[in-house]
Amino acid sequence: MKRTILAALSVVSTFAVTMPAFADQALATAKNCMACHAVDKKVVGPSYQDVAKKYAGDKAAADKLAAKIVAGGTGVWGSIPMPANPQVSEAESKKLAAWVLSIK
């Protein structure tokens, strides 16, 4: 019985650790973010892993990224600008920013 519980907890904890990488990929896909970004490689824009690394330890990163998701930006990752995404609500942008920052 103890082994069964420990095995179940191991599966749950593994799932919980890996889940953030997929927690809002559906939202990112629905909002067309994945047209220019990928989780693990540069497309037009940087990979989400690279974004998470760049902003690791920055306490204001989630707010900065959420604002950039909606308003767009330029110059941080090169000369190609990130277009504005007015179809993304403030709540969605915060959810997306938190997801991006959780990616390892």
C-alpha atoms as a PDB file:
ATOM      1  CA  MET A   1       0.000   0.000   0.000  1.00  0.00           C
ATOM      2  CA  LYS A   2       2.792   2.399   0.956  1.00  0.00           C
ATOM      3  CA  ARG A   3       4.593   1.742  -2.345  1.00  0.00           C
ATOM      4  CA  THR A   4       1.423   2.388  -4.309  1.00  0.00           C
ATOM      5  CA  ILE A   5       0.902   5.725  -2.579  1.00  0.00           C
ATOM      6  CA  LEU A   6       4.536   6.704  -3.063  1.00  0.00           C
ATOM      7  CA  ALA A   7       4.369   5.736  -6.741  1.00  0.00           C
ATOM      8  CA  ALA A   8       1.196   7.781  -7.190  1.00  0.00           C
ATOM      9  CA  LEU A   9       2.766  10.777  -5.453  1.00  0.00           C
ATOM     10  CA  SER A  10       5.814  10.453  -7.682  1.00  0.00           C
ATOM     11  CA  VAL A  11       3.653  10.559 -10.810  1.00  0.00           C
ATOM     12  CA  VAL A  12       1.689  13.539  -9.500  1.00  0.00           C
ATOM     13  CA  SER A  13       4.825  15.465  -8.538  1.00  0.00           C
ATOM     14  CA  THR A  14       6.425  14.732 -11.919  1.00  0.00           C
ATOM     15  CA  PHE A  15       3.299  15.942 -13.663  1.00  0.00           C
ATOM     16  CA  ALA A  16       3.185  19.072 -11.494  1.00  0.00           C
ATOM     17  CA  VAL A  17       6.806  19.883 -12.299  1.00  0.00           C
ATOM     18  CA  THR A  18       6.391  19.471 -16.055  1.00  0.00           C
ATOM     19  CA  MET A  19       2.917  20.940 -16.343  1.00  0.00           C
ATOM     20  CA  PRO A  20       3.827  24.663 -16.348  1.00  0.00           C
ATOM     21  CA  ALA A  21       5.540  24.268 -19.720  1.00  0.00           C
ATOM     22  CA  PHE A  22       2.143  23.360 -21.190  1.00  0.00           C
ATOM     23  CA  ALA A  23      -0.159  25.280 -18.850  1.00  0.00           C
ATOM     24  CA  ASP A  24      -0.913  28.093 -21.298  1.00  0.00           C
ATOM     25  CA  GLN A  25       0.494  26.946 -24.612  1.00  0.00           C
ATOM     26  CA  ALA A  26      -3.122  26.603 -25.747  1.00  0.00           C
ATOM     27  CA  LEU A  27      -3.720  30.276 -24.925  1.00  0.00           C
ATOM     28  CA  ALA A  28      -0.459  31.251 -26.662  1.00  0.00           C
ATOM     29  CA  THR A  29      -1.567  29.293 -29.719  1.00  0.00           C
ATOM     30  CA  ALA A  30      -5.054  30.806 -29.667  1.00  0.00           C
ATOM     31  CA  LYS A  31      -3.625  34.335 -29.476  1.00  0.00           C
ATOM     32  CA  ASN A  32      -1.163  33.646 -32.361  1.00  0.00           C
ATOM     33  CA  CYS A  33       1.941  33.943 -30.149  1.00  0.00           C
ATOM     34  CA  MET A  34       3.220  30.619 -31.470  1.00  0.00           C
ATOM     35  CA  ALA A  35       3.364  32.047 -35.000  1.00  0.00           C
ATOM     36  CA  CYS A  36       6.506  33.983 -33.996  1.00  0.00           C
ATOM     37  CA  HIS A  37       7.707  32.130 -30.882  1.00  0.00           C
ATOM     38  CA  ALA A  38       8.375  28.544 -29.836  1.00  0.00           C
ATOM     39  CA  VAL A  39       9.055  27.119 -26.407  1.00  0.00           C
ATOM     40  CA  ASP A  40      12.567  25.868 -27.161  1.00  0.00           C
ATOM     41  CA  LYS A  41      13.831  27.557 -30.356  1.00  0.00           C
ATOM     42  CA  LYS A  42      14.008  30.948 -32.000  1.00  0.00           C
ATOM     43  CA  VAL A  43      11.440  31.457 -34.730  1.00  0.00           C
ATOM     44  CA  VAL A  44      10.886  35.138 -35.616  1.00  0.00           C
ATOM     45  CA  GLY A  45      11.134  36.100 -31.970  1.00  0.00           C
ATOM     46  CA  PRO A  46      13.135  34.499 -29.172  1.00  0.00           C
ATOM     47  CA  SER A  47      12.245  31.153 -27.646  1.00  0.00           C
ATOM     48  CA  TYR A  48      10.217  31.292 -24.477  1.00  0.00           C
ATOM     49  CA  GLN A  49      13.079  29.497 -22.715  1.00  0.00           C
ATOM     50  CA  ASP A  50      15.418  32.355 -23.680  1.00  0.00           C
ATOM     51  CA  VAL A  51      12.915  34.948 -22.476  1.00  0.00           C
ATOM     52  CA  ALA A  52      12.550  33.143 -19.142  1.00  0.00           C
ATOM     53  CA  LYS A  53      16.348  33.004 -18.757  1.00  0.00           C
ATOM     54  CA  LYS A  54      16.793  36.680 -19.625  1.00  0.00           C
ATOM     55  CA  TYR A  55      14.238  37.815 -17.047  1.00  0.00           C
ATOM     56  CA  ALA A  56      15.043  35.275 -14.309  1.00  0.00           C
ATOM     57  CA  GLY A  57      15.350  37.086 -11.002  1.00  0.00           C
ATOM     58  CA  ASP A  58      13.674  40.279 -12.267  1.00  0.00           C
ATOM     59  CA  LYS A  59      10.770  40.867  -9.893  1.00  0.00           C
ATOM     60  CA  ALA A  60       9.099  43.256 -12.369  1.00  0.00           C
ATOM     61  CA  ALA A  61       9.459  40.868 -15.322  1.00  0.00           C
ATOM     62  CA  ALA A  62       5.871  39.583 -15.327  1.00  0.00           C
ATOM     63  CA  ASP A  63       4.442  43.104 -15.509  1.00  0.00           C
ATOM     64  CA  LYS A  64       6.984  44.168 -18.161  1.00  0.00           C
ATOM     65  CA  LEU A  65       6.244  41.153 -20.333  1.00  0.00           C
ATOM     66  CA  ALA A  66       2.474  41.442 -19.899  1.00  0.00           C
ATOM     67  CA  ALA A  67       2.621  45.064 -21.062  1.00  0.00           C
ATOM     68  CA  LYS A  68       4.879  44.152 -23.992  1.00  0.00           C
ATOM     69  CA  ILE A  69       2.538  41.341 -25.060  1.00  0.00           C
ATOM     70  CA  VAL A  70      -0.295  43.850 -25.509  1.00  0.00           C
ATOM     71  CA  ALA A  71       1.623  46.953 -26.665  1.00  0.00           C
ATOM     72  CA  GLY A  72       4.453  45.313 -28.623  1.00  0.00           C
ATOM     73  CA  GLY A  73       8.057  46.429 -28.498  1.00  0.00           C
ATOM     74  CA  THR A  74      11.384  46.670 -30.257  1.00  0.00           C
ATOM     75  CA  GLY A  75      15.099  46.575 -29.640  1.00  0.00           C
ATOM     76  CA  VAL A  76      15.327  44.054 -26.806  1.00  0.00           C
ATOM     77  CA  TRP A  77      15.910  41.018 -29.046  1.00  0.00           C
ATOM     78  CA  GLY A  78      17.186  42.694 -32.189  1.00  0.00           C
ATOM     79  CA  SER A  79      15.774  44.844 -34.939  1.00  0.00           C
ATOM     80  CA  ILE A  80      12.582  42.884 -35.659  1.00  0.00           C
ATOM     81  CA  PRO A  81       9.761  44.499 -33.665  1.00  0.00           C
ATOM     82  CA  MET A  82       7.162  42.558 -31.742  1.00  0.00           C
ATOM     83  CA  PRO A  83       3.788  43.771 -32.966  1.00  0.00           C
ATOM     84  CA  ALA A  84       1.071  44.929 -30.619  1.00  0.00           C
ATOM     85  CA  ASN A  85      -1.559  42.345 -29.708  1.00  0.00           C
ATOM     86  CA  PRO A  86      -4.685  44.299 -28.781  1.00  0.00           C
ATOM     87  CA  GLN A  87      -6.761  41.089 -29.004  1.00  0.00           C
ATOM     88  CA  VAL A  88      -5.020  39.912 -25.811  1.00  0.00           C
ATOM     89  CA  SER A  89      -6.752  41.105 -22.647  1.00  0.00           C
ATOM     90  CA  GLU A  90      -4.828  42.318 -19.605  1.00  0.00           C
ATOM     91  CA  ALA A  91      -5.705  39.136 -17.709  1.00  0.00           C
ATOM     92  CA  GLU A  92      -4.586  36.965 -20.626  1.00  0.00           C
ATOM     93  CA  SER A  93      -1.321  38.891 -20.987  1.00  0.00           C
ATOM     94  CA  LYS A  94      -0.553  38.356 -17.304  1.00  0.00           C
ATOM     95  CA  LYS A  95      -1.330  34.661 -17.616  1.00  0.00           C
ATOM     96  CA  LEU A  96       0.897  34.371 -20.698  1.00  0.00           C
ATOM     97  CA  ALA A  97       3.741  36.300 -19.053  1.00  0.00           C
ATOM     98  CA  ALA A  98       3.613  34.070 -15.959  1.00  0.00           C
ATOM     99  CA  TRP A  99       3.636  30.980 -18.195  1.00  0.00           C
ATOM    100  CA  VAL A 100       6.616  32.204 -20.229  1.00  0.00           C
ATOM    101  CA  LEU A 101       8.564  32.990 -17.066  1.00  0.00           C
ATOM    102  CA  SER A 102       7.839  29.507 -15.683  1.00  0.00           C
ATOM    103  CA  ILE A 103       9.460  27.751 -18.639  1.00  0.00           C
ATOM    104  CA  LYS A 104      12.842  26.181 -17.929  1.00  0.00           C
END
